[in-house]
């Protein structure tokens, strides 16, 4: 997505068009509640896949999109912005306490 976003941004910038991407993690939507209730273990496991330990909300997702749609981002283009509670980082970067153990603060 990063390469595609950057390429489109480069192709359309001369026309004053911006191109950005929002990459969502686990966002709770009421439409999925019934399906998630059928598999509560899966639903709970998604919460552990980000630094906040919870689902994102529809409001948080919408606010991320609204930022790109607003004039507040008028000088922002070719950006892939994760809205995932750092789920991407959880896949590659362990927390310091996971490396050295839970007693590191003592």
Protein backbone atom coordinates (compact mmCIF):
# COMPACT_ATOMS: atom_id res chain seq x y z
CA UNK A 1 0.00 0.00 0.00
CA UNK A 2 2.86 2.34 0.76
CA UNK A 3 4.34 2.09 -2.74
CA UNK A 4 0.94 2.43 -4.44
CA UNK A 5 0.02 5.45 -2.30
CA UNK A 6 3.33 7.17 -3.04
CA UNK A 7 3.05 6.47 -6.77
CA UNK A 8 -0.50 7.81 -7.03
CA UNK A 9 0.47 10.86 -4.98
CA UNK A 10 3.37 11.57 -7.35
CA UNK A 11 1.12 11.17 -10.40
CA UNK A 12 -1.66 13.50 -9.25
CA UNK A 13 0.18 16.16 -7.22
CA UNK A 14 0.51 18.49 -10.22
CA UNK A 15 -3.31 18.71 -10.28
CA UNK A 16 -3.48 19.70 -6.61
CA UNK A 17 -4.74 16.27 -5.60
CA UNK A 18 -3.45 14.52 -2.49
CA UNK A 19 -3.32 10.77 -2.01
CA UNK A 20 -3.10 9.20 1.43
CA UNK A 21 -4.04 5.81 2.88
CA UNK A 22 -5.48 4.84 6.24
CA UNK A 23 -4.59 1.32 7.35
CA UNK A 24 -7.07 0.06 9.94
CA UNK A 25 -6.56 -2.56 12.62
CA UNK A 26 -9.37 -4.08 14.66
CA UNK A 27 -12.21 -1.53 14.61
CA UNK A 28 -15.42 -2.46 16.43
CA UNK A 29 -18.49 -2.08 14.23
CA UNK A 30 -21.98 -3.01 15.36
CA UNK A 31 -22.51 -4.90 12.11
CA UNK A 32 -19.91 -7.44 13.25
CA UNK A 33 -21.13 -7.91 16.83
CA UNK A 34 -23.32 -10.94 16.13
CA UNK A 35 -20.55 -12.67 14.21
CA UNK A 36 -17.96 -11.92 16.91
CA UNK A 37 -20.29 -13.27 19.62
CA UNK A 38 -20.19 -16.61 17.81
CA UNK A 39 -16.41 -16.68 18.24
CA UNK A 40 -15.52 -14.84 21.47
CA UNK A 41 -12.00 -16.28 21.61
CA UNK A 42 -11.19 -14.71 18.25
CA UNK A 43 -12.82 -11.42 19.29
CA UNK A 44 -10.75 -11.29 22.50
CA UNK A 45 -7.54 -12.27 20.72
CA UNK A 46 -7.85 -9.26 18.41
CA UNK A 47 -7.69 -7.00 21.47
CA UNK A 48 -4.26 -8.35 22.40
CA UNK A 49 -2.82 -7.56 19.00
CA UNK A 50 -2.24 -3.84 19.69
CA UNK A 51 -0.60 -1.73 22.38
CA UNK A 52 -3.88 -0.46 23.82
CA UNK A 53 -5.36 -3.93 24.36
CA UNK A 54 -8.74 -2.96 22.98
CA UNK A 55 -10.69 -2.56 19.78
CA UNK A 56 -10.62 0.77 18.01
CA UNK A 57 -13.90 2.66 17.78
CA UNK A 58 -15.79 3.81 14.73
CA UNK A 59 -15.30 7.39 15.96
CA UNK A 60 -11.52 6.93 16.05
CA UNK A 61 -11.57 5.51 12.53
CA UNK A 62 -13.79 8.32 11.26
CA UNK A 63 -11.62 11.00 12.88
CA UNK A 64 -8.57 9.60 11.11
CA UNK A 65 -10.35 9.81 7.77
CA UNK A 66 -11.69 13.28 8.58
CA UNK A 67 -8.14 14.50 9.19
CA UNK A 68 -7.18 13.61 5.62
CA UNK A 69 -10.42 15.09 4.28
CA UNK A 70 -9.90 18.38 6.14
CA UNK A 71 -7.74 21.40 5.42
CA UNK A 72 -5.66 20.39 8.46
CA UNK A 73 -3.85 17.96 6.15
CA UNK A 74 -3.63 20.25 3.11
CA UNK A 75 0.17 19.82 2.94
CA UNK A 76 0.15 16.05 3.58
CA UNK A 77 0.37 13.57 0.74
CA UNK A 78 1.85 10.13 0.02
CA UNK A 79 1.28 9.01 3.63
CA UNK A 80 0.12 5.60 4.85
CA UNK A 81 -1.26 6.25 8.33
CA UNK A 82 -2.00 3.27 10.55
CA UNK A 83 -5.12 3.56 12.70
CA UNK A 84 -4.50 0.31 14.52
CA UNK A 85 -3.33 0.96 18.08
CA UNK A 86 0.19 0.15 16.85
CA UNK A 87 -0.83 -3.33 15.72
CA UNK A 88 1.81 -3.16 12.98
CA UNK A 89 4.52 -2.55 15.60
CA UNK A 90 3.27 -5.40 17.77
CA UNK A 91 4.10 -7.77 14.93
CA UNK A 92 7.74 -6.69 14.76
CA UNK A 93 8.80 -4.80 17.88
CA UNK A 94 8.63 -6.46 21.30
CA UNK A 95 8.03 -4.34 24.38
CA UNK A 96 11.14 -3.73 26.49
CA UNK A 97 9.59 -5.52 29.47
CA UNK A 98 9.02 -8.62 27.31
CA UNK A 99 12.74 -8.74 26.55
CA UNK A 100 14.18 -8.11 30.02
CA UNK A 101 11.33 -9.44 32.16
CA UNK A 102 8.75 -7.84 34.37
CA UNK A 103 11.21 -6.94 37.15
CA UNK A 104 13.17 -4.41 35.10
CA UNK A 105 11.71 -1.42 37.00
CA UNK A 106 13.10 -2.56 40.36
